[in-house]
Amino acid sequence: MGYHDHMQKIASLDILTDKDLQQRVLRLSLVIAGATSAATALVFALGAGEGVDAWWWGALVLGALVPLPVHELVHGAAFRLLCPGRRVSFGFQDGFLYTKTDGATARRGRMVAVLLAPAVLVTAGIVAIFLAAGRPALAVLLAGLHLAGCAGDLTMAVAALREPRCTHVRDTETGVDLLRDREEGLR
């Protein structure tokens, strides 16, 4: 009996075509964006001394665009590190960049780490860069925008963590499958 023969699919999260799931992701993204707007306004109100000039607007544009491919590269690196031996590739569909594997399956904790790696690492990098540049409002704004863009990853990670039967997660063409190792209960 092969490794995948004793895996039972509990649920599939199809982030690309499941309209209900897309609505949940959109709502989470909007909540994060709203909180980001409020936090950015608060930083400005507290008088951080940050002027809005041409540099600020240019940094806003670059700070919003550059993290997109970096986000996917971090996913790719996390897949390579935590799901060794799997081919990692990148794609672009409907205005979205994405990272995929050839169906990598990993223990739930490892795949949650893969899903959350960009949210943690890229967001921390954004904050560090713009705080070091003396632009705290940009740090808050761009970190929040990035996190709003991570809503799909966050939703899939939370789904895996909330499902008590989930022992493994498989990357799919359109999202992830939550799996249960039937043999783990026998050990």
Foldseek 3Di string as FASTA:
>chain_A
DDPCVQKDFDDDDQCPPDPVLVVQLLVLLVVLLVVLVVVLVVCVVVPLVDDDDPVNVVCLVCLQPVLQVVLQVLLVVLCCVLQNPWDKDWDADPRHIHIATPWGKGFLVSVLCSLCVSLPVVLVVLLVVCVVVSHNSSNSNSNSNVVSVSSLSVVLNVVLVPDVQFGMWITDPRGITGIHRNCVVVD
